[in-house]
């Protein structure tokens, strides 16, 4: 299922990645903000809108580590903390940081970027998004009522209906997750005389109760793998 994750409010982060296991350790500190970015309604469903901006000044953080922080951020965008789905519609603004003369490295700062992103998403009103499909259904007029009733049962929204020469075209938006099995249902509702097409339209937040179920399922799956 092509879910996405996003955030609903800006948040600050100050994340330290620190690891010591004999010999040289790992140290990287990143400071900044994670902000929501509006996702264009006609954006491609496969386009992940994650932006990174370096606004560091001064000597606290070497510019040579910034690409590693960006790599960590982008790696975290591939798999969000709620459901493991890609994250989109976020801006990671790097403002400052700190390094260690011995323990800092690109590896350490990549880990710091990843950790900062995961922590920030959880503090920024995270939200699961679902794909919404634009569905066009054509049926004989006599079946219009039952077909619209079927769309409503699938939590769809009817946008427009048009009747021409005994046939009715129903334009609606329906969550992709609710469209599974629709071909069979439409045949049943129209005695095999209905047809439909669908294409991706946009992403919208899932209902709170559905988000809770998705998060629980993901956590159960992760626990089983461990």
Protein backbone atom coordinates (compact mmCIF):
# COMPACT_ATOMS: atom_id res chain seq x y z
CA UNK A 1 0.00 0.00 0.00
CA UNK A 2 1.47 3.35 -1.10
CA UNK A 3 1.17 5.28 2.15
CA UNK A 4 3.30 8.31 2.92
CA UNK A 5 4.22 10.10 6.15
CA UNK A 6 4.48 13.83 6.74
CA UNK A 7 4.46 16.40 9.54
CA UNK A 8 1.91 19.03 10.52
CA UNK A 9 3.95 21.56 12.50
CA UNK A 10 7.53 22.86 12.68
CA UNK A 11 9.84 21.63 15.41
CA UNK A 12 13.38 22.35 16.59
CA UNK A 13 15.98 19.65 17.03
CA UNK A 14 19.31 19.41 18.81
CA UNK A 15 20.57 15.89 18.32
CA UNK A 16 23.84 14.34 19.45
CA UNK A 17 25.11 11.07 18.04
CA UNK A 18 27.72 9.73 20.45
CA UNK A 19 29.24 6.27 20.49
CA UNK A 20 32.31 4.93 22.25
CA UNK A 21 33.46 1.34 21.79
CA UNK A 22 37.22 1.27 22.21
CA UNK A 23 39.62 3.32 20.13
CA UNK A 24 38.18 6.31 18.33
CA UNK A 25 34.47 6.81 18.85
CA UNK A 26 31.74 8.60 16.95
CA UNK A 27 30.50 12.11 17.65
CA UNK A 28 28.25 14.45 15.74
CA UNK A 29 25.82 17.12 16.85
CA UNK A 30 23.24 18.72 14.56
CA UNK A 31 20.95 21.62 15.40
CA UNK A 32 18.13 23.02 13.31
CA UNK A 33 14.45 22.88 12.48
CA UNK A 34 12.16 20.51 10.61
CA UNK A 35 9.31 22.27 8.86
CA UNK A 36 6.27 21.12 6.87
CA UNK A 37 6.20 22.00 3.19
CA UNK A 38 2.96 22.10 1.24
CA UNK A 39 2.64 19.21 -1.18
CA UNK A 40 1.24 20.21 -4.57
CA UNK A 41 -2.06 18.46 -5.25
CA UNK A 42 -0.96 17.45 -8.76
CA UNK A 43 2.47 16.24 -7.62
CA UNK A 44 3.49 12.84 -8.92
CA UNK A 45 2.66 10.09 -6.43
CA UNK A 46 6.25 8.81 -6.62
CA UNK A 47 7.83 12.22 -6.01
CA UNK A 48 9.19 12.46 -2.47
CA UNK A 49 9.39 16.14 -1.50
CA UNK A 50 12.15 16.25 1.09
CA UNK A 51 14.30 19.38 1.09
CA UNK A 52 17.55 20.13 2.88
CA UNK A 53 18.95 23.63 3.49
CA UNK A 54 22.35 24.40 5.00
CA UNK A 55 22.26 27.68 6.95
CA UNK A 56 25.29 27.08 9.16
CA UNK A 57 27.75 29.89 9.84
CA UNK A 58 30.88 30.08 11.94
CA UNK A 59 33.34 27.39 12.93
CA UNK A 60 31.24 25.06 15.10
CA UNK A 61 30.53 22.68 12.24
CA UNK A 62 32.83 22.04 9.29
CA UNK A 63 31.15 22.40 5.91
CA UNK A 64 32.81 19.12 4.95
CA UNK A 65 30.32 17.27 7.18
CA UNK A 66 27.19 18.87 5.72
CA UNK A 67 26.83 16.39 2.81
CA UNK A 68 26.97 13.48 5.30
CA UNK A 69 24.20 15.09 7.39
CA UNK A 70 22.13 15.50 4.24
CA UNK A 71 22.66 11.83 3.35
CA UNK A 72 21.44 10.83 6.80
CA UNK A 73 18.39 13.03 6.46
CA UNK A 74 17.51 11.62 3.04
CA UNK A 75 18.03 8.05 4.27
CA UNK A 76 15.46 8.71 7.01
CA UNK A 77 13.05 10.10 4.41
CA UNK A 78 13.01 6.67 2.75
CA UNK A 79 11.44 5.08 5.81
CA UNK A 80 9.37 7.08 8.28
CA UNK A 81 9.02 6.21 11.98
CA UNK A 82 5.25 5.62 12.04
CA UNK A 83 4.63 2.98 9.38
CA UNK A 84 7.96 2.64 7.57
CA UNK A 85 6.51 4.56 4.61
CA UNK A 86 8.44 7.29 2.74
CA UNK A 87 8.35 10.76 4.29
CA UNK A 88 7.42 13.75 2.15
CA UNK A 89 6.56 17.41 2.51
CA UNK A 90 9.40 18.28 4.91
CA UNK A 91 12.21 20.84 5.00
CA UNK A 92 15.29 20.04 7.10
CA UNK A 93 16.96 23.33 7.97
CA UNK A 94 20.49 22.84 9.36
CA UNK A 95 21.42 25.81 11.56
CA UNK A 96 24.38 24.71 13.66
CA UNK A 97 26.21 21.75 15.14
CA UNK A 98 29.34 20.62 16.90
CA UNK A 99 32.21 18.28 16.16
CA UNK A 100 35.01 16.48 17.97
CA UNK A 101 38.64 16.69 16.89
CA UNK A 102 39.09 12.91 17.03
CA UNK A 103 35.69 11.22 17.07
CA UNK A 104 33.86 13.14 14.35
CA UNK A 105 33.61 11.60 10.88
CA UNK A 106 31.28 11.47 7.89
CA UNK A 107 29.83 8.25 9.29
CA UNK A 108 29.10 9.90 12.63
CA UNK A 109 27.40 12.88 11.03
CA UNK A 110 25.34 10.71 8.69
CA UNK A 111 24.07 8.87 11.78
CA UNK A 112 23.43 12.22 13.48
CA UNK A 113 21.40 13.39 10.48
CA UNK A 114 19.34 10.21 10.56
CA UNK A 115 18.75 10.40 14.30
CA UNK A 116 17.81 14.07 14.19
CA UNK A 117 15.30 13.43 11.44
CA UNK A 118 13.64 10.49 13.23
CA UNK A 119 13.40 12.42 16.48
CA UNK A 120 12.12 15.59 14.82
CA UNK A 121 9.38 13.80 12.86
CA UNK A 122 7.97 12.31 16.07
CA UNK A 123 7.84 15.80 17.63
CA UNK A 124 6.29 17.55 14.61
CA UNK A 125 2.74 16.17 14.60
CA UNK A 126 3.43 13.19 12.34
CA UNK A 127 0.66 12.11 10.03
CA UNK A 128 0.07 9.16 7.70
CA UNK A 129 -1.17 10.02 4.22
CA UNK A 130 -3.08 7.77 1.84
CA UNK A 131 -3.39 8.00 -1.95
CA UNK A 132 -6.73 9.27 -3.22
CA UNK A 133 -7.82 8.14 -6.67
CA UNK A 134 -9.95 10.02 -9.17
CA UNK A 135 -12.56 7.49 -10.28
CA UNK A 136 -14.88 7.84 -13.26
CA UNK A 137 -17.76 5.36 -13.36
CA UNK A 138 -20.16 4.93 -16.29
CA UNK A 139 -23.38 2.99 -15.73
CA UNK A 140 -26.95 2.84 -17.07
CA UNK A 141 -29.02 5.51 -15.32
CA UNK A 142 -31.16 2.93 -13.54
CA UNK A 143 -28.15 1.89 -11.44
CA UNK A 144 -27.03 5.40 -10.48
CA UNK A 145 -28.42 5.27 -6.93
CA UNK A 146 -26.91 1.91 -6.00
CA UNK A 147 -23.53 2.83 -7.48
CA UNK A 148 -23.39 6.12 -5.56
CA UNK A 149 -24.36 4.20 -2.44
CA UNK A 150 -21.44 1.86 -3.09
CA UNK A 151 -19.05 4.80 -3.46
CA UNK A 152 -20.25 6.25 -0.15
CA UNK A 153 -19.68 2.91 1.58
CA UNK A 154 -16.07 3.07 0.41
CA UNK A 155 -15.72 6.52 2.02
CA UNK A 156 -15.60 8.10 -1.42
CA UNK A 157 -16.75 11.60 -2.34
CA UNK A 158 -18.97 12.14 -5.38
CA UNK A 159 -17.81 15.27 -7.23
CA UNK A 160 -20.14 15.31 -10.21
CA UNK A 161 -22.74 13.27 -12.10
CA UNK A 162 -23.77 13.65 -15.71
CA UNK A 163 -26.51 11.80 -17.59
CA UNK A 164 -26.36 11.38 -21.38
CA UNK A 165 -28.56 9.12 -23.52
CA UNK A 166 -29.55 6.74 -20.76
CA UNK A 167 -26.10 6.46 -19.20
CA UNK A 168 -24.75 8.22 -16.13
CA UNK A 169 -21.13 9.19 -15.56
CA UNK A 170 -20.16 9.57 -11.91
CA UNK A 171 -16.94 11.40 -11.08
CA UNK A 172 -15.64 10.79 -7.56
CA UNK A 173 -12.59 10.57 -5.32
CA UNK A 174 -11.99 7.36 -3.38
CA UNK A 175 -9.07 6.19 -1.20
CA UNK A 176 -6.99 3.62 -3.09
CA UNK A 177 -7.22 1.25 -0.16
CA UNK A 178 -11.02 1.22 -0.54
CA UNK A 179 -10.92 0.35 -4.25
CA UNK A 180 -9.76 -3.24 -3.88
CA UNK A 181 -12.47 -5.59 -5.11
CA UNK A 182 -14.43 -2.77 -6.71
CA UNK A 183 -14.61 -4.43 -10.14
CA UNK A 184 -16.60 -7.33 -8.71
CA UNK A 185 -18.87 -5.05 -6.70
CA UNK A 186 -19.59 -2.84 -9.70
CA UNK A 187 -20.52 -5.86 -11.80
CA UNK A 188 -22.91 -6.97 -9.07
CA UNK A 189 -24.46 -3.51 -8.71
CA UNK A 190 -25.00 -3.02 -12.45
CA UNK A 191 -25.65 -6.55 -13.75
CA UNK A 192 -22.28 -6.36 -15.48
CA UNK A 193 -23.17 -3.16 -17.38
CA UNK A 194 -20.93 -0.71 -15.48
CA UNK A 195 -17.31 0.24 -16.09
CA UNK A 196 -14.82 2.52 -14.41
CA UNK A 197 -11.38 4.06 -14.74
CA UNK A 198 -9.18 5.47 -12.01
CA UNK A 199 -5.98 7.46 -11.70
CA UNK A 200 -3.96 8.95 -8.88
CA UNK A 201 -5.25 12.32 -7.72
CA UNK A 202 -3.57 13.36 -4.44
CA UNK A 203 -2.59 12.36 -0.91
CA UNK A 204 -4.83 13.01 2.09
CA UNK A 205 -4.50 12.19 5.81
CA UNK A 206 -5.97 8.89 6.92
CA UNK A 207 -8.56 8.97 9.69
CA UNK A 208 -7.06 9.06 13.22
CA UNK A 209 -8.38 5.60 14.07
CA UNK A 210 -6.93 4.20 10.84
CA UNK A 211 -3.57 5.83 11.58
CA UNK A 212 -3.52 4.18 15.00
CA UNK A 213 -4.20 0.78 13.41
CA UNK A 214 -1.48 1.26 10.79
CA UNK A 215 1.08 2.25 13.44
CA UNK A 216 0.15 -0.72 15.60
CA UNK A 217 0.45 -3.12 12.64
CA UNK A 218 3.88 -1.72 11.76
CA UNK A 219 5.11 -2.02 15.36
CA UNK A 220 3.83 -5.61 15.53
CA UNK A 221 5.62 -6.43 12.27
CA UNK A 222 8.89 -4.95 13.54
CA UNK A 223 8.63 -6.82 16.82
CA UNK A 224 8.06 -10.09 14.97
CA UNK A 225 11.18 -9.54 12.86
CA UNK A 226 13.27 -8.95 15.97
